[in-house]
PDB file of N, CA and C in Angstrom:
ATOM      1  N   MET A   1      30.340  49.166   0.721  1.00  0.00           N
ATOM      2  CA  MET A   1      31.760  49.619   0.799  1.00  0.00           C
ATOM      3  C   MET A   1      32.563  48.739  -0.308  1.00  0.00           C
ATOM      4  N   PRO A   2      33.748  50.012  -0.472  1.00  0.00           N
ATOM      5  CA  PRO A   2      34.649  49.204  -1.614  1.00  0.00           C
ATOM      6  C   PRO A   2      35.438  48.063  -0.699  1.00  0.00           C
ATOM      7  N   THR A   3      36.047  46.992  -1.785  1.00  0.00           N
ATOM      8  CA  THR A   3      37.051  46.216  -1.536  1.00  0.00           C
ATOM      9  C   THR A   3      38.075  45.793  -2.589  1.00  0.00           C
ATOM     10  N   ASP A   4      38.871  45.820  -2.009  1.00  0.00           N
ATOM     11  CA  ASP A   4      40.144  45.540  -2.797  1.00  0.00           C
ATOM     12  C   ASP A   4      40.740  43.692  -2.772  1.00  0.00           C
ATOM     13  N   VAL A   5      41.161  43.065  -3.829  1.00  0.00           N
ATOM     14  CA  VAL A   5      41.568  42.074  -3.789  1.00  0.00           C
ATOM     15  C   VAL A   5      43.001  42.338  -3.263  1.00  0.00           C
ATOM     16  N   ILE A   6      43.665  41.490  -2.291  1.00  0.00           N
ATOM     17  CA  ILE A   6      45.014  41.626  -2.285  1.00  0.00           C
ATOM     18  C   ILE A   6      45.375  40.193  -2.269  1.00  0.00           C
ATOM     19  N   ARG A   7      46.970  40.626  -3.398  1.00  0.00           N
ATOM     20  CA  ARG A   7      47.891  39.847  -4.159  1.00  0.00           C
ATOM     21  C   ARG A   7      49.293  39.682  -3.613  1.00  0.00           C
ATOM     22  N   VAL A   8      49.571  38.289  -3.295  1.00  0.00           N
ATOM     23  CA  VAL A   8      51.166  38.536  -3.102  1.00  0.00           C
ATOM     24  C   VAL A   8      51.965  38.560  -4.782  1.00  0.00           C
ATOM     25  N   PRO A   9      52.461  39.196  -4.743  1.00  0.00           N
ATOM     26  CA  PRO A   9      53.852  39.396  -5.937  1.00  0.00           C
ATOM     27  C   PRO A   9      54.501  37.587  -6.181  1.00  0.00           C
ATOM     28  N   GLY A  10      54.528  37.525  -7.656  1.00  0.00           N
ATOM     29  CA  GLY A  10      54.915  36.224  -8.073  1.00  0.00           C
ATOM     30  C   GLY A  10      54.638  34.602  -7.039  1.00  0.00           C
ATOM     31  N   VAL A  11      52.950  34.732  -6.646  1.00  0.00           N
ATOM     32  CA  VAL A  11      52.519  33.937  -5.166  1.00  0.00           C
ATOM     33  C   VAL A  11      51.331  33.429  -6.558  1.00  0.00           C
ATOM     34  N   SER A  12      51.181  31.582  -6.863  1.00  0.00           N
ATOM     35  CA  SER A  12      50.021  31.794  -7.275  1.00  0.00           C
ATOM     36  C   SER A  12      48.580  31.439  -6.246  1.00  0.00           C
ATOM     37  N   SER A  13      47.654  31.387  -6.460  1.00  0.00           N
ATOM     38  CA  SER A  13      46.567  31.181  -6.061  1.00  0.00           C
ATOM     39  C   SER A  13      46.114  29.864  -6.580  1.00  0.00           C
ATOM     40  N   GLY A  14      47.010  28.977  -7.390  1.00  0.00           N
ATOM     41  CA  GLY A  14      46.636  27.664  -7.405  1.00  0.00           C
ATOM     42  C   GLY A  14      45.336  27.736  -8.681  1.00  0.00           C
ATOM     43  N   ALA A  15      44.704  27.041  -8.455  1.00  0.00           N
ATOM     44  CA  ALA A  15      43.586  26.552  -9.468  1.00  0.00           C
ATOM     45  C   ALA A  15      42.075  26.995  -9.018  1.00  0.00           C
ATOM     46  N   ILE A  16      43.100  26.627  -7.675  1.00  0.00           N
ATOM     47  CA  ILE A  16      40.848  27.022  -6.874  1.00  0.00           C
ATOM     48  C   ILE A  16      40.813  28.526  -7.004  1.00  0.00           C
ATOM     49  N   PRO A  17      39.426  28.968  -6.922  1.00  0.00           N
ATOM     50  CA  PRO A  17      38.343  30.147  -7.377  1.00  0.00           C
ATOM     51  C   PRO A  17      38.929  31.149  -5.826  1.00  0.00           C
ATOM     52  N   LEU A  18      39.456  31.978  -5.474  1.00  0.00           N
ATOM     53  CA  LEU A  18      39.836  32.231  -4.084  1.00  0.00           C
ATOM     54  C   LEU A  18      40.933  33.923  -4.465  1.00  0.00           C
ATOM     55  N   SER A  19      40.254  34.842  -3.730  1.00  0.00           N
ATOM     56  CA  SER A  19      41.489  35.704  -3.316  1.00  0.00           C
ATOM     57  C   SER A  19      41.918  35.362  -1.935  1.00  0.00           C
ATOM     58  N   PRO A  20      43.781  35.496  -2.279  1.00  0.00           N
ATOM     59  CA  PRO A  20      44.158  35.295  -1.392  1.00  0.00           C
ATOM     60  C   PRO A  20      44.198  36.654   0.228  1.00  0.00           C
ATOM     61  N   ALA A  21      43.336  37.417  -0.336  1.00  0.00           N
ATOM     62  CA  ALA A  21      42.946  38.527   0.924  1.00  0.00           C
ATOM     63  C   ALA A  21      42.281  39.611   0.359  1.00  0.00           C
ATOM     64  N   ILE A  22      40.872  39.905   1.455  1.00  0.00           N
ATOM     65  CA  ILE A  22      40.077  40.877   0.760  1.00  0.00           C
ATOM     66  C   ILE A  22      40.140  41.769   1.940  1.00  0.00           C
ATOM     67  N   ARG A  23      40.594  43.201   1.460  1.00  0.00           N
ATOM     68  CA  ARG A  23      40.225  44.564   1.973  1.00  0.00           C
ATOM     69  C   ARG A  23      39.024  45.456   2.517  1.00  0.00           C
ATOM     70  N   ALA A  24      38.514  45.178   3.032  1.00  0.00           N
ATOM     71  CA  ALA A  24      36.949  45.938   3.136  1.00  0.00           C
ATOM     72  C   ALA A  24      37.278  46.966   4.096  1.00  0.00           C
ATOM     73  N   GLY A  25      37.095  47.953   4.116  1.00  0.00           N
ATOM     74  CA  GLY A  25      37.280  49.352   4.888  1.00  0.00           C
ATOM     75  C   GLY A  25      38.795  49.039   5.616  1.00  0.00           C
ATOM     76  N   GLY A  26      38.594  49.066   7.169  1.00  0.00           N
ATOM     77  CA  GLY A  26      39.385  48.685   7.874  1.00  0.00           C
ATOM     78  C   GLY A  26      40.558  47.469   8.033  1.00  0.00           C
ATOM     79  N   PHE A  27      39.775  45.971   8.050  1.00  0.00           N
ATOM     80  CA  PHE A  27      39.556  44.976   8.356  1.00  0.00           C
ATOM     81  C   PHE A  27      40.050  44.527   6.508  1.00  0.00           C
ATOM     82  N   VAL A  28      41.231  43.222   7.150  1.00  0.00           N
ATOM     83  CA  VAL A  28      41.916  42.102   5.780  1.00  0.00           C
ATOM     84  C   VAL A  28      41.082  41.157   6.493  1.00  0.00           C
ATOM     85  N   PHE A  29      40.867  40.342   5.567  1.00  0.00           N
ATOM     86  CA  PHE A  29      40.090  38.513   5.484  1.00  0.00           C
ATOM     87  C   PHE A  29      40.920  38.315   5.052  1.00  0.00           C
ATOM     88  N   VAL A  30      41.990  37.421   5.303  1.00  0.00           N
ATOM     89  CA  VAL A  30      43.149  36.362   4.726  1.00  0.00           C
ATOM     90  C   VAL A  30      42.600  35.051   4.394  1.00  0.00           C
ATOM     91  N   SER A  31      42.879  34.511   3.088  1.00  0.00           N
ATOM     92  CA  SER A  31      42.056  33.491   3.117  1.00  0.00           C
ATOM     93  C   SER A  31      43.173  31.988   3.495  1.00  0.00           C
ATOM     94  N   GLY A  32      42.455  30.762   3.972  1.00  0.00           N
ATOM     95  CA  GLY A  32      42.712  29.964   4.102  1.00  0.00           C
ATOM     96  C   GLY A  32      44.378  29.471   3.906  1.00  0.00           C
ATOM     97  N   GLN A  33      45.265  29.582   4.856  1.00  0.00           N
ATOM     98  CA  GLN A  33      46.618  29.170   3.898  1.00  0.00           C
ATOM     99  C   GLN A  33      46.877  28.408   5.138  1.00  0.00           C
ATOM    100  N   ALA A  34      47.786  27.467   3.865  1.00  0.00           N
ATOM    101  CA  ALA A  34      47.895  25.578   4.176  1.00  0.00           C
ATOM    102  C   ALA A  34      49.679  25.964   3.712  1.00  0.00           C
ATOM    103  N   SER A  35      49.904  24.453   4.218  1.00  0.00           N
ATOM    104  CA  SER A  35      51.606  24.377   3.645  1.00  0.00           C
ATOM    105  C   SER A  35      51.474  24.535   2.197  1.00  0.00           C
ATOM    106  N   VAL A  36      51.559  25.376   1.414  1.00  0.00           N
ATOM    107  CA  VAL A  36      51.809  25.394  -0.275  1.00  0.00           C
ATOM    108  C   VAL A  36      52.901  26.061  -0.376  1.00  0.00           C
ATOM    109  N   ASP A  37      53.929  25.832  -1.956  1.00  0.00           N
ATOM    110  CA  ASP A  37      54.470  26.286  -2.245  1.00  0.00           C
ATOM    111  C   ASP A  37      54.622  28.003  -3.177  1.00  0.00           C
ATOM    112  N   GLU A  38      55.005  28.682  -3.582  1.00  0.00           N
ATOM    113  CA  GLU A  38      54.354  29.906  -3.949  1.00  0.00           C
ATOM    114  C   GLU A  38      53.674  29.719  -5.728  1.00  0.00           C
ATOM    115  N   LEU A  39      53.981  28.226  -5.908  1.00  0.00           N
ATOM    116  CA  LEU A  39      52.951  27.780  -7.109  1.00  0.00           C
ATOM    117  C   LEU A  39      51.528  26.979  -6.776  1.00  0.00           C
ATOM    118  N   GLY A  40      51.574  27.202  -5.051  1.00  0.00           N
ATOM    119  CA  GLY A  40      49.882  26.472  -4.966  1.00  0.00           C
ATOM    120  C   GLY A  40      50.234  25.070  -4.420  1.00  0.00           C
ATOM    121  N   LYS A  41      51.232  24.631  -4.863  1.00  0.00           N
ATOM    122  CA  LYS A  41      51.754  22.886  -4.829  1.00  0.00           C
ATOM    123  C   LYS A  41      51.411  23.068  -3.302  1.00  0.00           C
ATOM    124  N   ILE A  42      51.101  21.680  -2.749  1.00  0.00           N
ATOM    125  CA  ILE A  42      51.453  21.464  -1.281  1.00  0.00           C
ATOM    126  C   ILE A  42      52.317  20.980  -0.994  1.00  0.00           C
ATOM    127  N   VAL A  43      52.784  21.094   0.289  1.00  0.00           N
ATOM    128  CA  VAL A  43      54.252  20.715   0.576  1.00  0.00           C
ATOM    129  C   VAL A  43      54.095  19.396   1.977  1.00  0.00           C
ATOM    130  N   GLU A  44      54.146  18.996   1.834  1.00  0.00           N
ATOM    131  CA  GLU A  44      53.946  17.858   2.849  1.00  0.00           C
ATOM    132  C   GLU A  44      55.041  18.002   4.348  1.00  0.00           C
ATOM    133  N   ASP A  45      54.851  17.593   5.109  1.00  0.00           N
ATOM    134  CA  ASP A  45      55.816  18.101   6.392  1.00  0.00           C
ATOM    135  C   ASP A  45      55.600  17.536   7.847  1.00  0.00           C
ATOM    136  N   THR A  46      56.202  17.841   8.898  1.00  0.00           N
ATOM    137  CA  THR A  46      55.378  17.352   9.673  1.00  0.00           C
ATOM    138  C   THR A  46      54.583  18.214   9.964  1.00  0.00           C
ATOM    139  N   PHE A  47      53.997  17.853  11.412  1.00  0.00           N
ATOM    140  CA  PHE A  47      52.522  19.338  11.728  1.00  0.00           C
ATOM    141  C   PHE A  47      53.488  20.858  12.167  1.00  0.00           C
ATOM    142  N   ALA A  48      55.000  20.436  12.624  1.00  0.00           N
ATOM    143  CA  ALA A  48      55.275  21.746  12.869  1.00  0.00           C
ATOM    144  C   ALA A  48      55.719  22.670  11.481  1.00  0.00           C
ATOM    145  N   GLY A  49      56.218  21.767  10.572  1.00  0.00           N
ATOM    146  CA  GLY A  49      56.818  22.389   9.402  1.00  0.00           C
ATOM    147  C   GLY A  49      55.469  22.638   8.811  1.00  0.00           C
ATOM    148  N   GLU A  50      54.249  21.773   8.974  1.00  0.00           N
ATOM    149  CA  GLU A  50      53.145  22.449   7.944  1.00  0.00           C
ATOM    150  C   GLU A  50      52.643  23.962   8.171  1.00  0.00           C
ATOM    151  N   MET A  51      52.492  23.644   9.680  1.00  0.00           N
ATOM    152  CA  MET A  51      52.489  25.429  10.666  1.00  0.00           C
ATOM    153  C   MET A  51      52.586  26.173  10.398  1.00  0.00           C
ATOM    154  N   ARG A  52      54.216  26.198  10.177  1.00  0.00           N
ATOM    155  CA  ARG A  52      55.052  26.958  10.186  1.00  0.00           C
ATOM    156  C   ARG A  52      55.122  27.330   8.795  1.00  0.00           C
ATOM    157  N   ARG A  53      54.788  26.739   7.917  1.00  0.00           N
ATOM    158  CA  ARG A  53      54.556  27.235   6.495  1.00  0.00           C
ATOM    159  C   ARG A  53      53.636  27.948   5.808  1.00  0.00           C
ATOM    160  N   SER A  54      52.264  27.401   6.951  1.00  0.00           N
ATOM    161  CA  SER A  54      51.110  27.795   6.582  1.00  0.00           C
ATOM    162  C   SER A  54      50.983  29.788   7.202  1.00  0.00           C
ATOM    163  N   PHE A  55      51.672  29.612   8.429  1.00  0.00           N
ATOM    164  CA  PHE A  55      51.718  31.069   8.972  1.00  0.00           C
ATOM    165  C   PHE A  55      52.737  31.846   8.262  1.00  0.00           C
ATOM    166  N   ALA A  56      53.882  31.929   7.647  1.00  0.00           N
ATOM    167  CA  ALA A  56      54.340  31.935   6.891  1.00  0.00           C
ATOM    168  C   ALA A  56      54.032  32.848   5.795  1.00  0.00           C
ATOM    169  N   ASN A  57      53.000  31.651   5.038  1.00  0.00           N
ATOM    170  CA  ASN A  57      52.250  32.325   4.116  1.00  0.00           C
ATOM    171  C   ASN A  57      51.163  33.432   4.467  1.00  0.00           C
ATOM    172  N   VAL A  58      50.642  33.547   5.545  1.00  0.00           N
ATOM    173  CA  VAL A  58      49.579  34.524   6.208  1.00  0.00           C
ATOM    174  C   VAL A  58      50.121  35.929   6.179  1.00  0.00           C
ATOM    175  N   GLU A  59      51.630  35.575   6.836  1.00  0.00           N
ATOM    176  CA  GLU A  59      52.486  37.230   6.725  1.00  0.00           C
ATOM    177  C   GLU A  59      52.745  37.300   6.205  1.00  0.00           C
ATOM    178  N   ALA A  60      52.896  36.965   4.180  1.00  0.00           N
ATOM    179  CA  ALA A  60      53.567  37.396   2.841  1.00  0.00           C
ATOM    180  C   ALA A  60      52.299  37.553   2.287  1.00  0.00           C
ATOM    181  N   VAL A  61      50.917  37.556   3.061  1.00  0.00           N
ATOM    182  CA  VAL A  61      49.852  37.813   2.346  1.00  0.00           C
ATOM    183  C   VAL A  61      49.393  38.909   3.233  1.00  0.00           C
ATOM    184  N   LEU A  62      49.570  38.816   4.442  1.00  0.00           N
ATOM    185  CA  LEU A  62      49.100  40.785   5.004  1.00  0.00           C
ATOM    186  C   LEU A  62      50.481  41.414   4.568  1.00  0.00           C
ATOM    187  N   GLN A  63      51.861  40.898   4.106  1.00  0.00           N
ATOM    188  CA  GLN A  63      52.876  42.124   4.040  1.00  0.00           C
ATOM    189  C   GLN A  63      52.434  43.061   2.700  1.00  0.00           C
ATOM    190  N   ALA A  64      51.560  41.731   1.667  1.00  0.00           N
ATOM    191  CA  ALA A  64      51.442  42.486   0.405  1.00  0.00           C
ATOM    192  C   ALA A  64      50.596  43.608   0.705  1.00  0.00           C
ATOM    193  N   ALA A  65      49.663  43.390   1.950  1.00  0.00           N
ATOM    194  CA  ALA A  65      48.012  44.688   2.650  1.00  0.00           C
ATOM    195  C   ALA A  65      48.688  45.958   2.936  1.00  0.00           C
ATOM    196  N   GLY A  66      50.220  45.398   3.730  1.00  0.00           N
ATOM    197  CA  GLY A  66      51.334  46.482   4.475  1.00  0.00           C
ATOM    198  C   GLY A  66      50.485  46.375   5.993  1.00  0.00           C
ATOM    199  N   LEU A  67      50.849  44.820   6.133  1.00  0.00           N
ATOM    200  CA  LEU A  67      50.328  44.507   7.443  1.00  0.00           C
ATOM    201  C   LEU A  67      51.199  43.681   8.166  1.00  0.00           C
ATOM    202  N   SER A  68      51.075  42.850   8.885  1.00  0.00           N
ATOM    203  CA  SER A  68      51.705  42.382   9.784  1.00  0.00           C
ATOM    204  C   SER A  68      50.900  41.403  11.103  1.00  0.00           C
ATOM    205  N   LEU A  69      51.482  40.324  10.990  1.00  0.00           N
ATOM    206  CA  LEU A  69      50.344  39.385  12.479  1.00  0.00           C
ATOM    207  C   LEU A  69      50.212  40.299  13.559  1.00  0.00           C
ATOM    208  N   ARG A  70      50.758  41.326  13.609  1.00  0.00           N
ATOM    209  CA  ARG A  70      50.641  42.057  14.897  1.00  0.00           C
ATOM    210  C   ARG A  70      49.401  42.926  14.365  1.00  0.00           C
ATOM    211  N   ASN A  71      48.669  43.096  13.198  1.00  0.00           N
ATOM    212  CA  ASN A  71      47.584  43.193  13.008  1.00  0.00           C
ATOM    213  C   ASN A  71      46.212  42.216  13.080  1.00  0.00           C
ATOM    214  N   VAL A  72      46.760  40.906  13.724  1.00  0.00           N
ATOM    215  CA  VAL A  72      46.082  40.276  13.477  1.00  0.00           C
ATOM    216  C   VAL A  72      44.732  40.598  14.534  1.00  0.00           C
ATOM    217  N   VAL A  73      43.637  40.294  14.349  1.00  0.00           N
ATOM    218  CA  VAL A  73      42.317  40.092  15.655  1.00  0.00           C
ATOM    219  C   VAL A  73      41.724  39.219  15.835  1.00  0.00           C
ATOM    220  N   GLN A  74      41.642  38.080  14.760  1.00  0.00           N
ATOM    221  CA  GLN A  74      41.171  37.342  14.857  1.00  0.00           C
ATOM    222  C   GLN A  74      41.816  35.564  13.995  1.00  0.00           C
ATOM    223  N   VAL A  75      42.066  34.209  14.466  1.00  0.00           N
ATOM    224  CA  VAL A  75      42.471  33.404  14.362  1.00  0.00           C
ATOM    225  C   VAL A  75      41.639  32.424  14.360  1.00  0.00           C
ATOM    226  N   ARG A  76      41.138  31.630  12.863  1.00  0.00           N
ATOM    227  CA  ARG A  76      40.483  30.224  12.903  1.00  0.00           C
ATOM    228  C   ARG A  76      41.467  28.972  12.322  1.00  0.00           C
ATOM    229  N   SER A  77      41.731  28.478  13.296  1.00  0.00           N
ATOM    230  CA  SER A  77      42.898  27.177  12.719  1.00  0.00           C
ATOM    231  C   SER A  77      42.057  25.982  12.294  1.00  0.00           C
ATOM    232  N   TYR A  78      42.596  25.007  11.568  1.00  0.00           N
ATOM    233  CA  TYR A  78      41.642  23.936  11.771  1.00  0.00           C
ATOM    234  C   TYR A  78      43.141  23.012  12.002  1.00  0.00           C
ATOM    235  N   VAL A  79      43.240  21.990  12.529  1.00  0.00           N
ATOM    236  CA  VAL A  79      43.990  21.544  12.908  1.00  0.00           C
ATOM    237  C   VAL A  79      43.563  19.524  12.790  1.00  0.00           C
ATOM    238  N   ALA A  80      44.275  19.031  12.106  1.00  0.00           N
ATOM    239  CA  ALA A  80      43.659  17.182  11.968  1.00  0.00           C
ATOM    240  C   ALA A  80      44.054  16.603  12.021  1.00  0.00           C
ATOM    241  N   LYS A  81      44.592  16.484  13.334  1.00  0.00           N
ATOM    242  CA  LYS A  81      44.538  15.304  14.136  1.00  0.00           C
ATOM    243  C   LYS A  81      44.666  15.884  16.006  1.00  0.00           C
ATOM    244  N   GLN A  82      43.727  15.565  16.493  1.00  0.00           N
ATOM    245  CA  GLN A  82      43.626  16.079  18.261  1.00  0.00           C
ATOM    246  C   GLN A  82      45.277  15.445  18.657  1.00  0.00           C
ATOM    247  N   GLU A  83      46.070  14.924  18.672  1.00  0.00           N
ATOM    248  CA  GLU A  83      47.455  14.705  19.094  1.00  0.00           C
ATOM    249  C   GLU A  83      48.171  15.712  18.586  1.00  0.00           C
ATOM    250  N   ASP A  84      47.676  16.749  17.790  1.00  0.00           N
ATOM    251  CA  ASP A  84      49.444  18.083  17.610  1.00  0.00           C
ATOM    252  C   ASP A  84      48.605  19.002  18.482  1.00  0.00           C
ATOM    253  N   LEU A  85      47.387  19.248  18.946  1.00  0.00           N
ATOM    254  CA  LEU A  85      47.192  20.493  19.760  1.00  0.00           C
ATOM    255  C   LEU A  85      48.214  20.965  20.886  1.00  0.00           C
ATOM    256  N   PRO A  86      49.033  20.326  21.608  1.00  0.00           N
ATOM    257  CA  PRO A  86      49.291  20.827  22.161  1.00  0.00           C
ATOM    258  C   PRO A  86      51.138  21.476  21.701  1.00  0.00           C
ATOM    259  N   GLU A  87      51.128  20.816  20.619  1.00  0.00           N
ATOM    260  CA  GLU A  87      52.556  21.586  19.728  1.00  0.00           C
ATOM    261  C   GLU A  87      51.868  22.722  19.288  1.00  0.00           C
ATOM    262  N   TYR A  88      50.695  22.608  18.593  1.00  0.00           N
ATOM    263  CA  TYR A  88      49.874  23.844  18.165  1.00  0.00           C
ATOM    264  C   TYR A  88      49.696  24.773  18.598  1.00  0.00           C
ATOM    265  N   ASN A  89      49.097  24.748  20.189  1.00  0.00           N
ATOM    266  CA  ASN A  89      49.678  25.903  20.969  1.00  0.00           C
ATOM    267  C   ASN A  89      50.958  26.518  21.631  1.00  0.00           C
ATOM    268  N   ARG A  90      51.672  25.342  21.878  1.00  0.00           N
ATOM    269  CA  ARG A  90      53.057  25.801  21.861  1.00  0.00           C
ATOM    270  C   ARG A  90      54.051  26.612  20.714  1.00  0.00           C
ATOM    271  N   LEU A  91      53.393  26.450  19.476  1.00  0.00           N
ATOM    272  CA  LEU A  91      54.290  27.061  18.352  1.00  0.00           C
ATOM    273  C   LEU A  91      53.485  28.208  18.134  1.00  0.00           C
ATOM    274  N   TYR A  92      51.902  28.251  18.806  1.00  0.00           N
ATOM    275  CA  TYR A  92      50.986  29.544  18.488  1.00  0.00           C
ATOM    276  C   TYR A  92      51.761  30.864  19.392  1.00  0.00           C
ATOM    277  N   ALA A  93      51.949  29.706  20.651  1.00  0.00           N
ATOM    278  CA  ALA A  93      52.673  31.182  21.593  1.00  0.00           C
ATOM    279  C   ALA A  93      53.638  31.635  21.192  1.00  0.00           C
ATOM    280  N   GLU A  94      54.661  31.372  20.260  1.00  0.00           N
ATOM    281  CA  GLU A  94      55.478  31.592  19.389  1.00  0.00           C
ATOM    282  C   GLU A  94      55.347  32.461  18.689  1.00  0.00           C
ATOM    283  N   ILE A  95      54.315  32.464  17.790  1.00  0.00           N
ATOM    284  CA  ILE A  95      53.891  33.477  17.069  1.00  0.00           C
ATOM    285  C   ILE A  95      53.342  34.536  16.899  1.00  0.00           C
ATOM    286  N   PHE A  96      52.404  34.457  18.198  1.00  0.00           N
ATOM    287  CA  PHE A  96      51.687  35.480  18.771  1.00  0.00           C
ATOM    288  C   PHE A  96      52.221  36.018  20.132  1.00  0.00           C
ATOM    289  N   SER A  97      51.829  37.119  20.669  1.00  0.00           N
ATOM    290  CA  SER A  97      52.465  37.674  21.739  1.00  0.00           C
ATOM    291  C   SER A  97      51.061  38.434  22.434  1.00  0.00           C
ATOM    292  N   PRO A  98      50.827  38.420  23.966  1.00  0.00           N
ATOM    293  CA  PRO A  98      49.797  38.824  24.399  1.00  0.00           C
ATOM    294  C   PRO A  98      50.140  39.939  24.480  1.00  0.00           C
ATOM    295  N   PRO A  99      48.412  40.758  23.533  1.00  0.00           N
ATOM    296  CA  PRO A  99      46.995  40.289  23.773  1.00  0.00           C
ATOM    297  C   PRO A  99      46.940  39.194  22.709  1.00  0.00           C
ATOM    298  N   TYR A 100      46.273  37.824  22.860  1.00  0.00           N
ATOM    299  CA  TYR A 100      46.600  36.966  21.702  1.00  0.00           C
ATOM    300  C   TYR A 100      45.460  37.560  20.697  1.00  0.00           C
ATOM    301  N   PRO A 101      45.256  37.594  19.815  1.00  0.00           N
ATOM    302  CA  PRO A 101      43.567  37.568  19.064  1.00  0.00           C
ATOM    303  C   PRO A 101      42.743  36.519  19.481  1.00  0.00           C
ATOM    304  N   ALA A 102      41.495  36.997  18.848  1.00  0.00           N
ATOM    305  CA  ALA A 102      40.668  36.135  19.059  1.00  0.00           C
ATOM    306  C   ALA A 102      40.871  35.151  18.358  1.00  0.00           C
ATOM    307  N   ARG A 103      40.403  33.489  18.957  1.00  0.00           N
ATOM    308  CA  ARG A 103      40.678  32.389  18.375  1.00  0.00           C
ATOM    309  C   ARG A 103      39.703  31.269  18.673  1.00  0.00           C
ATOM    310  N   THR A 104      39.474  30.400  17.408  1.00  0.00           N
ATOM    311  CA  THR A 104      38.847  29.359  17.110  1.00  0.00           C
ATOM    312  C   THR A 104      39.426  28.810  16.478  1.00  0.00           C
ATOM    313  N   THR A 105      39.667  27.059  17.076  1.00  0.00           N
ATOM    314  CA  THR A 105      40.763  25.813  17.037  1.00  0.00           C
ATOM    315  C   THR A 105      39.336  24.843  16.116  1.00  0.00           C
ATOM    316  N   LEU A 106      39.233  24.159  14.939  1.00  0.00           N
ATOM    317  CA  LEU A 106      38.958  23.356  14.353  1.00  0.00           C
ATOM    318  C   LEU A 106      39.336  21.775  14.111  1.00  0.00           C
ATOM    319  N   ILE A 107      38.668  20.947  15.082  1.00  0.00           N
ATOM    320  CA  ILE A 107      40.253  19.914  15.004  1.00  0.00           C
ATOM    321  C   ILE A 107      39.266  18.713  14.401  1.00  0.00           C
ATOM    322  N   GLY A 108      39.832  17.987  13.357  1.00  0.00           N
ATOM    323  CA  GLY A 108      39.525  16.701  12.625  1.00  0.00           C
ATOM    324  C   GLY A 108      38.752  17.224  11.494  1.00  0.00           C
ATOM    325  N   CYS A 109      39.088  18.064  10.868  1.00  0.00           N
ATOM    326  CA  CYS A 109      38.003  18.541   9.704  1.00  0.00           C
ATOM    327  C   CYS A 109      39.049  18.575   8.522  1.00  0.00           C
ATOM    328  N   LEU A 110      40.606  18.408   8.336  1.00  0.00           N
ATOM    329  CA  LEU A 110      40.634  18.644   7.070  1.00  0.00           C
ATOM    330  C   LEU A 110      41.211  17.109   6.454  1.00  0.00           C
ATOM    331  N   GLY A 111      40.685  16.051   6.335  1.00  0.00           N
ATOM    332  CA  GLY A 111      40.796  15.020   5.659  1.00  0.00           C
ATOM    333  C   GLY A 111      42.502  14.921   6.097  1.00  0.00           C
ATOM    334  N   THR A 112      43.127  14.182   4.681  1.00  0.00           N
ATOM    335  CA  THR A 112      44.525  14.136   5.077  1.00  0.00           C
ATOM    336  C   THR A 112      44.955  14.649   4.141  1.00  0.00           C
ATOM    337  N   VAL A 113      44.781  15.557   3.367  1.00  0.00           N
ATOM    338  CA  VAL A 113      45.463  15.870   2.478  1.00  0.00           C
ATOM    339  C   VAL A 113      46.728  16.786   3.130  1.00  0.00           C
ATOM    340  N   VAL A 114      46.257  18.021   4.200  1.00  0.00           N
ATOM    341  CA  VAL A 114      47.147  18.741   4.803  1.00  0.00           C
ATOM    342  C   VAL A 114      46.547  18.379   6.194  1.00  0.00           C
ATOM    343  N   LYS A 115      48.417  18.441   6.996  1.00  0.00           N
ATOM    344  CA  LYS A 115      47.981  18.378   8.828  1.00  0.00           C
ATOM    345  C   LYS A 115      47.486  20.301   9.477  1.00  0.00           C
ATOM    346  N   PHE A 116      47.727  21.046   8.733  1.00  0.00           N
ATOM    347  CA  PHE A 116      47.181  22.232   9.739  1.00  0.00           C
ATOM    348  C   PHE A 116      46.381  23.281   8.526  1.00  0.00           C
ATOM    349  N   GLU A 117      45.787  23.918   8.646  1.00  0.00           N
ATOM    350  CA  GLU A 117      45.472  25.551   7.644  1.00  0.00           C
ATOM    351  C   GLU A 117      44.859  26.240   8.976  1.00  0.00           C
ATOM    352  N   VAL A 118      44.636  27.793   8.192  1.00  0.00           N
ATOM    353  CA  VAL A 118      44.268  28.909   8.620  1.00  0.00           C
ATOM    354  C   VAL A 118      44.062  29.818   8.363  1.00  0.00           C
ATOM    355  N   ASP A 119      43.283  30.579   8.841  1.00  0.00           N
ATOM    356  CA  ASP A 119      42.866  31.609   8.062  1.00  0.00           C
ATOM    357  C   ASP A 119      42.375  33.093   9.188  1.00  0.00           C
ATOM    358  N   VAL A 120      42.881  34.304   8.292  1.00  0.00           N
ATOM    359  CA  VAL A 120      43.208  35.370   9.696  1.00  0.00           C
ATOM    360  C   VAL A 120      42.175  36.601   9.186  1.00  0.00           C
ATOM    361  N   ILE A 121      41.695  37.690  10.378  1.00  0.00           N
ATOM    362  CA  ILE A 121      41.314  38.168  10.221  1.00  0.00           C
ATOM    363  C   ILE A 121      42.182  39.488  10.507  1.00  0.00           C
ATOM    364  N   ALA A 122      42.780  40.460   9.857  1.00  0.00           N
ATOM    365  CA  ALA A 122      43.431  41.296  10.445  1.00  0.00           C
ATOM    366  C   ALA A 122      42.955  42.998  10.096  1.00  0.00           C
ATOM    367  N   PHE A 123      43.462  44.150  11.085  1.00  0.00           N
ATOM    368  CA  PHE A 123      42.438  45.435  11.208  1.00  0.00           C
ATOM    369  C   PHE A 123      43.606  46.292  11.294  1.00  0.00           C
ATOM    370  N   HIS A 124      43.476  47.282  10.511  1.00  0.00           N
ATOM    371  CA  HIS A 124      44.232  48.575  10.357  1.00  0.00           C
ATOM    372  C   HIS A 124      43.363  49.700  10.203  1.00  0.00           C
ATOM    373  N   GLU A 125      43.867  50.792  11.092  1.00  0.00           N
ATOM    374  CA  GLU A 125      42.467  51.494  10.574  1.00  0.00           C
ATOM    375  C   GLU A 125      43.286  52.693   9.410  1.00  0.00           C
ATOM    376  N   PRO A 126      41.913  52.789   8.545  1.00  0.00           N
ATOM    377  CA  PRO A 126      42.224  53.364   7.213  1.00  0.00           C
ATOM    378  C   PRO A 126      42.814  54.080   7.386  1.00  0.00           C
ATOM    379  N   CYS A 127      43.344  54.756   6.540  1.00  0.00           N
ATOM    380  CA  CYS A 127      44.420  55.899   5.812  1.00  0.00           C
ATOM    381  C   CYS A 127      43.802  57.217   5.526  1.00  0.00           C
ATOM    382  N   ASP A 128      42.282  57.180   5.599  1.00  0.00           N
ATOM    383  CA  ASP A 128      42.025  58.813   4.912  1.00  0.00           C
ATOM    384  C   ASP A 128      41.165  60.038   6.227  1.00  0.00           C
TER     385      ASP A 128
END
């Protein structure tokens, strides 16, 4: 199956060896997005600020693929602190509406660099 690398114009992947996203058939796999600026530099913020910035980065990658959050079928989130889960769920319900994507939430695996990270899988029918 052929694959395509999805890149966001004007946005650096930084020094980390990864593709922002890969399209494989009708699926787009978006790499983990955190609270970073267009140069790939971490932007420290409140939990809400980091979560909103991370999803804004997801939206930018999806837009570069011709998709939106409405195409997301799976979300895998990483939350640094368990006490942020209520806010995570509140913000998540603002970002997505029913029927929600399939979701996995991992807690306590980020260390101290960022408060939140997310990767998603989106689907769009191929156009052939």
